Amino acid sequence: MIIVLLASLLMTATTGMLLYGAEEGKGPLAGMMAQQTSIQLPQLIGTAHADDDDHEHDSGKKSDDEHEFLEETHEFFANFTLLLVMLHLVGVFVGSVFHKESLIKAMLSGKKRASL
């Protein structure tokens, strides 16, 4: 569970920083998302237009699709992380009931009864 949670958090943070760089031009990955740089890099994400349908033109269609994909990926991993946290909490509760001991108390105190 820890590995999956950490991987999901990594994806959530990475896609969030990419979105922030694309939409605001700020953040640690903003340079990667910049449209005009001194060294011409391939365009990864186009200009964000919210959900305004007035920007429908063929030249920006691919960029808009890439931005939408990144936004949807970020939303998926944010929701997936929340689901994993809830499953983890249910697992702790079930484990506590099954083993007849408080796992939360053991986590906070660092002491757990020895099983013989």
PDB file of N, CA and C in Angstrom:
ATOM      1  N   MET A   1       0.826  -1.196   0.000  1.00  0.00           N
ATOM      2  CA  MET A   1       0.000   0.000   0.000  1.00  0.00           C
ATOM      3  C   MET A   1       0.869   1.258   0.000  1.00  0.00           C
ATOM      4  N   ILE A   2       1.967   1.211   0.747  1.00  0.00           N
ATOM      5  CA  ILE A   2       2.842   2.382   0.818  1.00  0.00           C
ATOM      6  C   ILE A   2       3.417   2.713  -0.548  1.00  0.00           C
ATOM      7  N   ILE A   3       3.861   1.701  -1.277  1.00  0.00           N
ATOM      8  CA  ILE A   3       4.450   1.928  -2.594  1.00  0.00           C
ATOM      9  C   ILE A   3       3.420   2.497  -3.560  1.00  0.00           C
ATOM     10  N   VAL A   4       2.219   1.961  -3.552  1.00  0.00           N
ATOM     11  CA  VAL A   4       1.167   2.457  -4.453  1.00  0.00           C
ATOM     12  C   VAL A   4       0.773   3.883  -4.069  1.00  0.00           C
ATOM     13  N   LEU A   5       0.657   4.155  -2.765  1.00  0.00           N
ATOM     14  CA  LEU A   5       0.332   5.516  -2.311  1.00  0.00           C
ATOM     15  C   LEU A   5       1.412   6.514  -2.727  1.00  0.00           C
ATOM     16  N   LEU A   6       2.667   6.147  -2.538  1.00  0.00           N
ATOM     17  CA  LEU A   6       3.754   7.044  -2.922  1.00  0.00           C
ATOM     18  C   LEU A   6       3.793   7.272  -4.433  1.00  0.00           C
ATOM     19  N   ALA A   7       3.561   6.227  -5.210  1.00  0.00           N
ATOM     20  CA  ALA A   7       3.539   6.374  -6.670  1.00  0.00           C
ATOM     21  C   ALA A   7       2.380   7.272  -7.113  1.00  0.00           C
ATOM     22  N   SER A   8       1.232   7.092  -6.501  1.00  0.00           N
ATOM     23  CA  SER A   8       0.072   7.912  -6.847  1.00  0.00           C
ATOM     24  C   SER A   8       0.303   9.373  -6.445  1.00  0.00           C
ATOM     25  N   LEU A   9       0.898   9.594  -5.284  1.00  0.00           N
ATOM     26  CA  LEU A   9       1.221  10.958  -4.865  1.00  0.00           C
ATOM     27  C   LEU A   9       2.253  11.599  -5.790  1.00  0.00           C
ATOM     28  N   LEU A  10       3.226  10.816  -6.234  1.00  0.00           N
ATOM     29  CA  LEU A  10       4.224  11.321  -7.167  1.00  0.00           C
ATOM     30  C   LEU A  10       3.576  11.759  -8.475  1.00  0.00           C
ATOM     31  N   MET A  11       2.675  10.942  -8.997  1.00  0.00           N
ATOM     32  CA  MET A  11       1.978  11.294 -10.249  1.00  0.00           C
ATOM     33  C   MET A  11       1.086  12.518 -10.058  1.00  0.00           C
ATOM     34  N   THR A  12       0.396  12.596  -8.919  1.00  0.00           N
ATOM     35  CA  THR A  12      -0.458  13.745  -8.643  1.00  0.00           C
ATOM     36  C   THR A  12       0.368  15.027  -8.581  1.00  0.00           C
ATOM     37  N   ALA A  13       1.473  14.980  -7.871  1.00  0.00           N
ATOM     38  CA  ALA A  13       2.326  16.164  -7.732  1.00  0.00           C
ATOM     39  C   ALA A  13       2.959  16.555  -9.069  1.00  0.00           C
ATOM     40  N   THR A  14       3.441  15.580  -9.817  1.00  0.00           N
ATOM     41  CA  THR A  14       4.095  15.873 -11.092  1.00  0.00           C
ATOM     42  C   THR A  14       3.115  16.482 -12.090  1.00  0.00           C
ATOM     43  N   THR A  15       1.951  15.863 -12.247  1.00  0.00           N
ATOM     44  CA  THR A  15       0.977  16.415 -13.187  1.00  0.00           C
ATOM     45  C   THR A  15       0.464  17.773 -12.711  1.00  0.00           C
ATOM     46  N   GLY A  16       0.364  17.967 -11.393  1.00  0.00           N
ATOM     47  CA  GLY A  16      -0.051  19.267 -10.864  1.00  0.00           C
ATOM     48  C   GLY A  16       0.975  20.348 -11.171  1.00  0.00           C
ATOM     49  N   MET A  17       2.260  20.028 -11.019  1.00  0.00           N
ATOM     50  CA  MET A  17       3.299  21.008 -11.338  1.00  0.00           C
ATOM     51  C   MET A  17       3.361  21.296 -12.832  1.00  0.00           C
ATOM     52  N   LEU A  18       3.127  20.270 -13.660  1.00  0.00           N
ATOM     53  CA  LEU A  18       3.083  20.502 -15.108  1.00  0.00           C
ATOM     54  C   LEU A  18       1.918  21.418 -15.481  1.00  0.00           C
ATOM     55  N   LEU A  19       0.761  21.194 -14.880  1.00  0.00           N
ATOM     56  CA  LEU A  19      -0.396  22.050 -15.137  1.00  0.00           C
ATOM     57  C   LEU A  19      -0.132  23.477 -14.674  1.00  0.00           C
ATOM     58  N   TYR A  20       0.448  23.629 -13.496  1.00  0.00           N
ATOM     59  CA  TYR A  20       0.750  24.953 -12.968  1.00  0.00           C
ATOM     60  C   TYR A  20       1.729  25.677 -13.885  1.00  0.00           C
ATOM     61  N   GLY A  21       2.711  24.948 -14.374  1.00  0.00           N
ATOM     62  CA  GLY A  21       3.668  25.549 -15.304  1.00  0.00           C
ATOM     63  C   GLY A  21       3.023  25.945 -16.617  1.00  0.00           C
ATOM     64  N   ALA A  22       2.078  25.128 -17.101  1.00  0.00           N
ATOM     65  CA  ALA A  22       1.422  25.415 -18.370  1.00  0.00           C
ATOM     66  C   ALA A  22       0.428  26.567 -18.245  1.00  0.00           C
ATOM     67  N   GLU A  23      -0.341  26.583 -17.159  1.00  0.00           N
ATOM     68  CA  GLU A  23      -1.389  27.585 -17.017  1.00  0.00           C
ATOM     69  C   GLU A  23      -0.872  28.926 -16.504  1.00  0.00           C
ATOM     70  N   GLU A  24       0.041  28.894 -15.546  1.00  0.00           N
ATOM     71  CA  GLU A  24       0.490  30.119 -14.898  1.00  0.00           C
ATOM     72  C   GLU A  24       1.907  30.535 -15.305  1.00  0.00           C
ATOM     73  N   GLY A  25       2.646  29.622 -15.918  1.00  0.00           N
ATOM     74  CA  GLY A  25       4.025  29.923 -16.273  1.00  0.00           C
ATOM     75  C   GLY A  25       4.928  30.012 -15.054  1.00  0.00           C
ATOM     76  N   LYS A  26       4.518  29.360 -13.963  1.00  0.00           N
ATOM     77  CA  LYS A  26       5.287  29.398 -12.720  1.00  0.00           C
ATOM     78  C   LYS A  26       5.510  27.976 -12.233  1.00  0.00           C
ATOM     79  N   GLY A  27       6.352  27.848 -11.226  1.00  0.00           N
ATOM     80  CA  GLY A  27       6.592  26.548 -10.636  1.00  0.00           C
ATOM     81  C   GLY A  27       7.871  25.922 -11.144  1.00  0.00           C
ATOM     82  N   PRO A  28       8.258  24.790 -10.558  1.00  0.00           N
ATOM     83  CA  PRO A  28       9.533  24.160 -10.902  1.00  0.00           C
ATOM     84  C   PRO A  28       9.580  23.590 -12.318  1.00  0.00           C
ATOM     85  N   LEU A  29       8.455  23.310 -12.920  1.00  0.00           N
ATOM     86  CA  LEU A  29       8.442  22.751 -14.270  1.00  0.00           C
ATOM     87  C   LEU A  29       7.960  23.755 -15.312  1.00  0.00           C
ATOM     88  N   ALA A  30       7.912  25.037 -14.954  1.00  0.00           N
ATOM     89  CA  ALA A  30       7.419  26.063 -15.877  1.00  0.00           C
ATOM     90  C   ALA A  30       8.314  26.182 -17.107  1.00  0.00           C
ATOM     91  N   GLY A  31       9.622  26.069 -16.920  1.00  0.00           N
ATOM     92  CA  GLY A  31      10.539  26.169 -18.055  1.00  0.00           C
ATOM     93  C   GLY A  31      10.311  25.075 -19.079  1.00  0.00           C
ATOM     94  N   MET A  32       9.930  23.921 -18.598  1.00  0.00           N
ATOM     95  CA  MET A  32       9.652  22.802 -19.488  1.00  0.00           C
ATOM     96  C   MET A  32       8.377  23.049 -20.295  1.00  0.00           C
ATOM     97  N   MET A  33       7.472  23.836 -19.713  1.00  0.00           N
ATOM     98  CA  MET A  33       6.191  24.070 -20.337  1.00  0.00           C
ATOM     99  C   MET A  33       6.154  25.368 -21.134  1.00  0.00           C
ATOM    100  N   ALA A  34       7.232  26.131 -21.120  1.00  0.00           N
ATOM    101  CA  ALA A  34       7.258  27.424 -21.807  1.00  0.00           C
ATOM    102  C   ALA A  34       7.117  27.239 -23.313  1.00  0.00           C
ATOM    103  N   GLN A  35       6.416  28.161 -23.926  1.00  0.00           N
ATOM    104  CA  GLN A  35       6.208  28.072 -25.375  1.00  0.00           C
ATOM    105  C   GLN A  35       7.387  28.667 -26.136  1.00  0.00           C
ATOM    106  N   GLN A  36       7.973  29.747 -25.638  1.00  0.00           N
ATOM    107  CA  GLN A  36       9.101  30.385 -26.304  1.00  0.00           C
ATOM    108  C   GLN A  36      10.307  30.351 -25.376  1.00  0.00           C
ATOM    109  N   THR A  37      11.332  29.642 -25.778  1.00  0.00           N
ATOM    110  CA  THR A  37      12.573  29.601 -25.012  1.00  0.00           C
ATOM    111  C   THR A  37      13.727  29.914 -25.941  1.00  0.00           C
ATOM    112  N   SER A  38      14.903  30.151 -25.372  1.00  0.00           N
ATOM    113  CA  SER A  38      16.064  30.447 -26.205  1.00  0.00           C
ATOM    114  C   SER A  38      16.450  29.226 -27.042  1.00  0.00           C
ATOM    115  N   ILE A  39      16.279  28.051 -26.492  1.00  0.00           N
ATOM    116  CA  ILE A  39      16.471  26.813 -27.240  1.00  0.00           C
ATOM    117  C   ILE A  39      15.085  26.305 -27.593  1.00  0.00           C
ATOM    118  N   GLN A  40      14.825  26.097 -28.848  1.00  0.00           N
ATOM    119  CA  GLN A  40      13.490  25.688 -29.266  1.00  0.00           C
ATOM    120  C   GLN A  40      13.226  24.244 -28.849  1.00  0.00           C
ATOM    121  N   LEU A  41      12.315  24.082 -27.892  1.00  0.00           N
ATOM    122  CA  LEU A  41      11.907  22.765 -27.428  1.00  0.00           C
ATOM    123  C   LEU A  41      10.582  22.398 -28.075  1.00  0.00           C
ATOM    124  N   PRO A  42      10.292  21.102 -28.211  1.00  0.00           N
ATOM    125  CA  PRO A  42       8.978  20.729 -28.743  1.00  0.00           C
ATOM    126  C   PRO A  42       7.880  21.193 -27.791  1.00  0.00           C
ATOM    127  N   GLN A  43       6.786  21.657 -28.372  1.00  0.00           N
ATOM    128  CA  GLN A  43       5.672  22.138 -27.557  1.00  0.00           C
ATOM    129  C   GLN A  43       4.957  20.959 -26.925  1.00  0.00           C
ATOM    130  N   LEU A  44       4.908  20.941 -25.582  1.00  0.00           N
ATOM    131  CA  LEU A  44       4.270  19.848 -24.864  1.00  0.00           C
ATOM    132  C   LEU A  44       2.817  20.148 -24.550  1.00  0.00           C
ATOM    133  N   ILE A  45       2.546  21.401 -24.159  1.00  0.00           N
ATOM    134  CA  ILE A  45       1.187  21.772 -23.768  1.00  0.00           C
ATOM    135  C   ILE A  45       0.899  23.161 -24.294  1.00  0.00           C
ATOM    136  N   GLY A  46      -0.265  23.339 -24.848  1.00  0.00           N
ATOM    137  CA  GLY A  46      -0.648  24.628 -25.400  1.00  0.00           C
ATOM    138  C   GLY A  46      -1.272  25.529 -24.356  1.00  0.00           C
ATOM    139  N   THR A  47      -1.722  26.670 -24.812  1.00  0.00           N
ATOM    140  CA  THR A  47      -2.351  27.658 -23.953  1.00  0.00           C
ATOM    141  C   THR A  47      -3.685  27.151 -23.436  1.00  0.00           C
ATOM    142  N   ALA A  48      -3.945  27.381 -22.160  1.00  0.00           N
ATOM    143  CA  ALA A  48      -5.213  26.956 -21.569  1.00  0.00           C
ATOM    144  C   ALA A  48      -6.302  27.961 -21.914  1.00  0.00           C
ATOM    145  N   HIS A  49      -7.462  27.462 -22.284  1.00  0.00           N
ATOM    146  CA  HIS A  49      -8.592  28.322 -22.615  1.00  0.00           C
ATOM    147  C   HIS A  49      -9.797  27.999 -21.755  1.00  0.00           C
ATOM    148  N   ALA A  50      -9.585  27.421 -20.604  1.00  0.00           N
ATOM    149  CA  ALA A  50     -10.666  26.964 -19.722  1.00  0.00           C
ATOM    150  C   ALA A  50     -11.576  26.052 -20.531  1.00  0.00           C
ATOM    151  N   ASP A  51     -12.850  26.237 -20.439  1.00  0.00           N
ATOM    152  CA  ASP A  51     -13.788  25.438 -21.229  1.00  0.00           C
ATOM    153  C   ASP A  51     -14.541  26.305 -22.217  1.00  0.00           C
ATOM    154  N   ASP A  52     -13.905  27.351 -22.682  1.00  0.00           N
ATOM    155  CA  ASP A  52     -14.507  28.280 -23.623  1.00  0.00           C
ATOM    156  C   ASP A  52     -14.461  27.681 -25.021  1.00  0.00           C
ATOM    157  N   ASP A  53     -15.596  27.576 -25.677  1.00  0.00           N
ATOM    158  CA  ASP A  53     -15.663  26.970 -27.000  1.00  0.00           C
ATOM    159  C   ASP A  53     -15.350  27.953 -28.119  1.00  0.00           C
ATOM    160  N   ASP A  54     -15.069  29.221 -27.795  1.00  0.00           N
ATOM    161  CA  ASP A  54     -14.776  30.222 -28.823  1.00  0.00           C
ATOM    162  C   ASP A  54     -13.395  30.043 -29.432  1.00  0.00           C
ATOM    163  N   HIS A  55     -12.554  29.215 -28.857  1.00  0.00           N
ATOM    164  CA  HIS A  55     -11.182  29.054 -29.342  1.00  0.00           C
ATOM    165  C   HIS A  55     -11.040  27.879 -30.306  1.00  0.00           C
ATOM    166  N   GLU A  56     -12.130  27.353 -30.815  1.00  0.00           N
ATOM    167  CA  GLU A  56     -12.091  26.193 -31.704  1.00  0.00           C
ATOM    168  C   GLU A  56     -11.450  26.585 -33.037  1.00  0.00           C
ATOM    169  N   HIS A  57     -10.226  26.169 -33.208  1.00  0.00           N
ATOM    170  CA  HIS A  57      -9.549  26.295 -34.489  1.00  0.00           C
ATOM    171  C   HIS A  57      -8.551  25.152 -34.593  1.00  0.00           C
ATOM    172  N   ASP A  58      -8.216  24.795 -35.811  1.00  0.00           N
ATOM    173  CA  ASP A  58      -7.428  23.592 -36.054  1.00  0.00           C
ATOM    174  C   ASP A  58      -6.006  23.683 -35.515  1.00  0.00           C
ATOM    175  N   SER A  59      -5.380  24.866 -35.540  1.00  0.00           N
ATOM    176  CA  SER A  59      -3.981  24.958 -35.142  1.00  0.00           C
ATOM    177  C   SER A  59      -3.773  24.681 -33.663  1.00  0.00           C
ATOM    178  N   GLY A  60      -4.743  24.994 -32.802  1.00  0.00           N
ATOM    179  CA  GLY A  60      -4.584  24.773 -31.376  1.00  0.00           C
ATOM    180  C   GLY A  60      -5.238  23.505 -30.884  1.00  0.00           C
ATOM    181  N   LYS A  61      -5.825  22.726 -31.767  1.00  0.00           N
ATOM    182  CA  LYS A  61      -6.585  21.546 -31.350  1.00  0.00           C
ATOM    183  C   LYS A  61      -5.707  20.526 -30.640  1.00  0.00           C
ATOM    184  N   LYS A  62      -4.515  20.245 -31.182  1.00  0.00           N
ATOM    185  CA  LYS A  62      -3.636  19.259 -30.569  1.00  0.00           C
ATOM    186  C   LYS A  62      -3.168  19.730 -29.197  1.00  0.00           C
ATOM    187  N   SER A  63      -2.810  21.006 -29.071  1.00  0.00           N
ATOM    188  CA  SER A  63      -2.359  21.543 -27.790  1.00  0.00           C
ATOM    189  C   SER A  63      -3.467  21.478 -26.754  1.00  0.00           C
ATOM    190  N   ASP A  64      -4.690  21.808 -27.164  1.00  0.00           N
ATOM    191  CA  ASP A  64      -5.817  21.739 -26.248  1.00  0.00           C
ATOM    192  C   ASP A  64      -6.064  20.310 -25.804  1.00  0.00           C
ATOM    193  N   ASP A  65      -5.919  19.370 -26.716  1.00  0.00           N
ATOM    194  CA  ASP A  65      -6.092  17.958 -26.363  1.00  0.00           C
ATOM    195  C   ASP A  65      -5.028  17.503 -25.373  1.00  0.00           C
ATOM    196  N   GLU A  66      -3.788  17.928 -25.576  1.00  0.00           N
ATOM    197  CA  GLU A  66      -2.701  17.566 -24.664  1.00  0.00           C
ATOM    198  C   GLU A  66      -2.942  18.159 -23.283  1.00  0.00           C
ATOM    199  N   HIS A  67      -3.390  19.416 -23.235  1.00  0.00           N
ATOM    200  CA  HIS A  67      -3.671  20.069 -21.960  1.00  0.00           C
ATOM    201  C   HIS A  67      -4.814  19.356 -21.249  1.00  0.00           C
ATOM    202  N   GLU A  68      -5.855  19.018 -21.982  1.00  0.00           N
ATOM    203  CA  GLU A  68      -7.006  18.320 -21.400  1.00  0.00           C
ATOM    204  C   GLU A  68      -6.587  16.953 -20.863  1.00  0.00           C
ATOM    205  N   PHE A  69      -5.727  16.251 -21.606  1.00  0.00           N
ATOM    206  CA  PHE A  69      -5.236  14.946 -21.156  1.00  0.00           C
ATOM    207  C   PHE A  69      -4.461  15.080 -19.846  1.00  0.00           C
ATOM    208  N   LEU A  70      -3.600  16.091 -19.765  1.00  0.00           N
ATOM    209  CA  LEU A  70      -2.814  16.313 -18.553  1.00  0.00           C
ATOM    210  C   LEU A  70      -3.721  16.665 -17.380  1.00  0.00           C
ATOM    211  N   GLU A  71      -4.721  17.494 -17.621  1.00  0.00           N
ATOM    212  CA  GLU A  71      -5.662  17.877 -16.567  1.00  0.00           C
ATOM    213  C   GLU A  71      -6.463  16.670 -16.076  1.00  0.00           C
ATOM    214  N   GLU A  72      -6.921  15.839 -17.007  1.00  0.00           N
ATOM    215  CA  GLU A  72      -7.678  14.636 -16.633  1.00  0.00           C
ATOM    216  C   GLU A  72      -6.793  13.635 -15.886  1.00  0.00           C
ATOM    217  N   THR A  73      -5.538  13.509 -16.299  1.00  0.00           N
ATOM    218  CA  THR A  73      -4.605  12.611 -15.622  1.00  0.00           C
ATOM    219  C   THR A  73      -4.370  13.079 -14.186  1.00  0.00           C
ATOM    220  N   HIS A  74      -4.196  14.384 -14.013  1.00  0.00           N
ATOM    221  CA  HIS A  74      -4.003  14.936 -12.673  1.00  0.00           C
ATOM    222  C   HIS A  74      -5.238  14.672 -11.800  1.00  0.00           C
ATOM    223  N   GLU A  75      -6.407  14.901 -12.358  1.00  0.00           N
ATOM    224  CA  GLU A  75      -7.640  14.678 -11.600  1.00  0.00           C
ATOM    225  C   GLU A  75      -7.801  13.206 -11.224  1.00  0.00           C
ATOM    226  N   PHE A  76      -7.487  12.309 -12.158  1.00  0.00           N
ATOM    227  CA  PHE A  76      -7.584  10.877 -11.864  1.00  0.00           C
ATOM    228  C   PHE A  76      -6.680  10.494 -10.699  1.00  0.00           C
ATOM    229  N   PHE A  77      -5.409  10.901 -10.742  1.00  0.00           N
ATOM    230  CA  PHE A  77      -4.478  10.503  -9.689  1.00  0.00           C
ATOM    231  C   PHE A  77      -4.809  11.157  -8.350  1.00  0.00           C
ATOM    232  N   ALA A  78      -5.359  12.373  -8.358  1.00  0.00           N
ATOM    233  CA  ALA A  78      -5.780  12.998  -7.104  1.00  0.00           C
ATOM    234  C   ALA A  78      -6.917  12.183  -6.475  1.00  0.00           C
ATOM    235  N   ASN A  79      -7.894  11.808  -7.282  1.00  0.00           N
ATOM    236  CA  ASN A  79      -9.010  11.004  -6.772  1.00  0.00           C
ATOM    237  C   ASN A  79      -8.563   9.596  -6.389  1.00  0.00           C
ATOM    238  N   PHE A  80      -7.657   9.011  -7.164  1.00  0.00           N
ATOM    239  CA  PHE A  80      -7.136   7.680  -6.867  1.00  0.00           C
ATOM    240  C   PHE A  80      -6.385   7.685  -5.534  1.00  0.00           C
ATOM    241  N   THR A  81      -5.628   8.756  -5.274  1.00  0.00           N
ATOM    242  CA  THR A  81      -4.911   8.876  -4.005  1.00  0.00           C
ATOM    243  C   THR A  81      -5.890   8.926  -2.836  1.00  0.00           C
ATOM    244  N   LEU A  82      -6.961   9.684  -2.987  1.00  0.00           N
ATOM    245  CA  LEU A  82      -7.981   9.747  -1.930  1.00  0.00           C
ATOM    246  C   LEU A  82      -8.614   8.376  -1.697  1.00  0.00           C
ATOM    247  N   LEU A  83      -8.878   7.644  -2.774  1.00  0.00           N
ATOM    248  CA  LEU A  83      -9.434   6.295  -2.646  1.00  0.00           C
ATOM    249  C   LEU A  83      -8.467   5.386  -1.895  1.00  0.00           C
ATOM    250  N   LEU A  84      -7.186   5.465  -2.231  1.00  0.00           N
ATOM    251  CA  LEU A  84      -6.185   4.646  -1.554  1.00  0.00           C
ATOM    252  C   LEU A  84      -6.098   4.975  -0.062  1.00  0.00           C
ATOM    253  N   VAL A  85      -6.192   6.253   0.279  1.00  0.00           N
ATOM    254  CA  VAL A  85      -6.153   6.649   1.691  1.00  0.00           C
ATOM    255  C   VAL A  85      -7.349   6.042   2.423  1.00  0.00           C
ATOM    256  N   MET A  86      -8.530   6.125   1.814  1.00  0.00           N
ATOM    257  CA  MET A  86      -9.725   5.543   2.451  1.00  0.00           C
ATOM    258  C   MET A  86      -9.580   4.029   2.610  1.00  0.00           C
ATOM    259  N   LEU A  87      -9.076   3.347   1.578  1.00  0.00           N
ATOM    260  CA  LEU A  87      -8.865   1.900   1.676  1.00  0.00           C
ATOM    261  C   LEU A  87      -7.849   1.558   2.765  1.00  0.00           C
ATOM    262  N   HIS A  88      -6.824   2.371   2.888  1.00  0.00           N
ATOM    263  CA  HIS A  88      -5.812   2.152   3.921  1.00  0.00           C
ATOM    264  C   HIS A  88      -6.426   2.295   5.315  1.00  0.00           C
ATOM    265  N   LEU A  89      -7.241   3.319   5.501  1.00  0.00           N
ATOM    266  CA  LEU A  89      -7.889   3.514   6.805  1.00  0.00           C
ATOM    267  C   LEU A  89      -8.839   2.360   7.133  1.00  0.00           C
ATOM    268  N   VAL A  90      -9.570   1.881   6.141  1.00  0.00           N
ATOM    269  CA  VAL A  90     -10.451   0.721   6.353  1.00  0.00           C
ATOM    270  C   VAL A  90      -9.606  -0.499   6.702  1.00  0.00           C
ATOM    271  N   GLY A  91      -8.487  -0.672   6.022  1.00  0.00           N
ATOM    272  CA  GLY A  91      -7.595  -1.792   6.312  1.00  0.00           C
ATOM    273  C   GLY A  91      -7.040  -1.743   7.726  1.00  0.00           C
ATOM    274  N   VAL A  92      -6.683  -0.547   8.197  1.00  0.00           N
ATOM    275  CA  VAL A  92      -6.200  -0.402   9.578  1.00  0.00           C
ATOM    276  C   VAL A  92      -7.304  -0.774  10.554  1.00  0.00           C
ATOM    277  N   PHE A  93      -8.529  -0.312  10.290  1.00  0.00           N
ATOM    278  CA  PHE A  93      -9.651  -0.629  11.169  1.00  0.00           C
ATOM    279  C   PHE A  93      -9.924  -2.136  11.190  1.00  0.00           C
ATOM    280  N   VAL A  94      -9.970  -2.757  10.014  1.00  0.00           N
ATOM    281  CA  VAL A  94     -10.233  -4.198   9.933  1.00  0.00           C
ATOM    282  C   VAL A  94      -9.107  -4.972  10.609  1.00  0.00           C
ATOM    283  N   GLY A  95      -7.869  -4.562  10.396  1.00  0.00           N
ATOM    284  CA  GLY A  95      -6.733  -5.218  11.046  1.00  0.00           C
ATOM    285  C   GLY A  95      -6.794  -5.104  12.556  1.00  0.00           C
ATOM    286  N   SER A  96      -7.206  -3.933  13.041  1.00  0.00           N
ATOM    287  CA  SER A  96      -7.343  -3.742  14.491  1.00  0.00           C
ATOM    288  C   SER A  96      -8.403  -4.664  15.072  1.00  0.00           C
ATOM    289  N   VAL A  97      -9.531  -4.778  14.383  1.00  0.00           N
ATOM    290  CA  VAL A  97     -10.611  -5.648  14.870  1.00  0.00           C
ATOM    291  C   VAL A  97     -10.194  -7.113  14.781  1.00  0.00           C
ATOM    292  N   PHE A  98      -9.602  -7.498  13.654  1.00  0.00           N
ATOM    293  CA  PHE A  98      -9.207  -8.897  13.431  1.00  0.00           C
ATOM    294  C   PHE A  98      -8.161  -9.359  14.441  1.00  0.00           C
ATOM    295  N   HIS A  99      -7.189  -8.491  14.734  1.00  0.00           N
ATOM    296  CA  HIS A  99      -6.104  -8.862  15.653  1.00  0.00           C
ATOM    297  C   HIS A  99      -6.402  -8.466  17.097  1.00  0.00           C
ATOM    298  N   LYS A 100      -7.527  -7.852  17.315  1.00  0.00           N
ATOM    299  CA  LYS A 100      -7.964  -7.438  18.657  1.00  0.00           C
ATOM    300  C   LYS A 100      -6.918  -6.581  19.375  1.00  0.00           C
ATOM    301  N   GLU A 101      -6.402  -5.602  18.647  1.00  0.00           N
ATOM    302  CA  GLU A 101      -5.472  -4.635  19.212  1.00  0.00           C
ATOM    303  C   GLU A 101      -5.595  -3.324  18.438  1.00  0.00           C
ATOM    304  N   SER A 102      -5.216  -2.245  19.066  1.00  0.00           N
ATOM    305  CA  SER A 102      -5.318  -0.938  18.437  1.00  0.00           C
ATOM    306  C   SER A 102      -4.047  -0.640  17.643  1.00  0.00           C
ATOM    307  N   LEU A 103      -4.140  -0.745  16.329  1.00  0.00           N
ATOM    308  CA  LEU A 103      -2.990  -0.431  15.488  1.00  0.00           C
ATOM    309  C   LEU A 103      -2.660   1.055  15.535  1.00  0.00           C
ATOM    310  N   ILE A 104      -3.689   1.886  15.688  1.00  0.00           N
ATOM    311  CA  ILE A 104      -3.453   3.328  15.761  1.00  0.00           C
ATOM    312  C   ILE A 104      -2.657   3.665  17.019  1.00  0.00           C
ATOM    313  N   LYS A 105      -3.036   3.067  18.141  1.00  0.00           N
ATOM    314  CA  LYS A 105      -2.299   3.277  19.395  1.00  0.00           C
ATOM    315  C   LYS A 105      -0.851   2.802  19.243  1.00  0.00           C
ATOM    316  N   ALA A 106      -0.665   1.662  18.597  1.00  0.00           N
ATOM    317  CA  ALA A 106       0.686   1.141  18.375  1.00  0.00           C
ATOM    318  C   ALA A 106       1.500   2.070  17.473  1.00  0.00           C
ATOM    319  N   MET A 107       0.866   2.657  16.467  1.00  0.00           N
ATOM    320  CA  MET A 107       1.574   3.580  15.579  1.00  0.00           C
ATOM    321  C   MET A 107       1.987   4.847  16.317  1.00  0.00           C
ATOM    322  N   LEU A 108       1.117   5.342  17.187  1.00  0.00           N
ATOM    323  CA  LEU A 108       1.421   6.577  17.908  1.00  0.00           C
ATOM    324  C   LEU A 108       2.451   6.373  19.004  1.00  0.00           C
ATOM    325  N   SER A 109       2.351   5.265  19.729  1.00  0.00           N
ATOM    326  CA  SER A 109       3.276   5.029  20.844  1.00  0.00           C
ATOM    327  C   SER A 109       4.561   4.339  20.404  1.00  0.00           C
ATOM    328  N   GLY A 110       4.491   3.611  19.308  1.00  0.00           N
ATOM    329  CA  GLY A 110       5.647   2.849  18.854  1.00  0.00           C
ATOM    330  C   GLY A 110       5.798   1.520  19.561  1.00  0.00           C
ATOM    331  N   LYS A 111       4.821   1.178  20.379  1.00  0.00           N
ATOM    332  CA  LYS A 111       4.877  -0.076  21.127  1.00  0.00           C
ATOM    333  C   LYS A 111       3.682  -0.943  20.750  1.00  0.00           C
ATOM    334  N   LYS A 112       3.968  -2.225  20.537  1.00  0.00           N
ATOM    335  CA  LYS A 112       2.933  -3.169  20.171  1.00  0.00           C
ATOM    336  C   LYS A 112       3.146  -4.415  21.004  1.00  0.00           C
ATOM    337  N   ARG A 113       2.067  -5.024  21.417  1.00  0.00           N
ATOM    338  CA  ARG A 113       2.218  -6.224  22.229  1.00  0.00           C
ATOM    339  C   ARG A 113       2.859  -7.321  21.378  1.00  0.00           C
ATOM    340  N   ALA A 114       3.680  -8.096  22.015  1.00  0.00           N
ATOM    341  CA  ALA A 114       4.372  -9.186  21.321  1.00  0.00           C
ATOM    342  C   ALA A 114       3.417 -10.345  21.138  1.00  0.00           C
ATOM    343  N   SER A 115       3.458 -10.937  19.975  1.00  0.00           N
ATOM    344  CA  SER A 115       2.642 -12.125  19.747  1.00  0.00           C
ATOM    345  C   SER A 115       3.519 -13.356  19.904  1.00  0.00           C
ATOM    346  N   LEU A 116       3.039 -14.301  20.677  1.00  0.00           N
ATOM    347  CA  LEU A 116       3.833 -15.508  20.972  1.00  0.00           C
ATOM    348  C   LEU A 116       3.345 -16.682  20.183  1.00  0.00           C
TER     349      LEU A 116
END
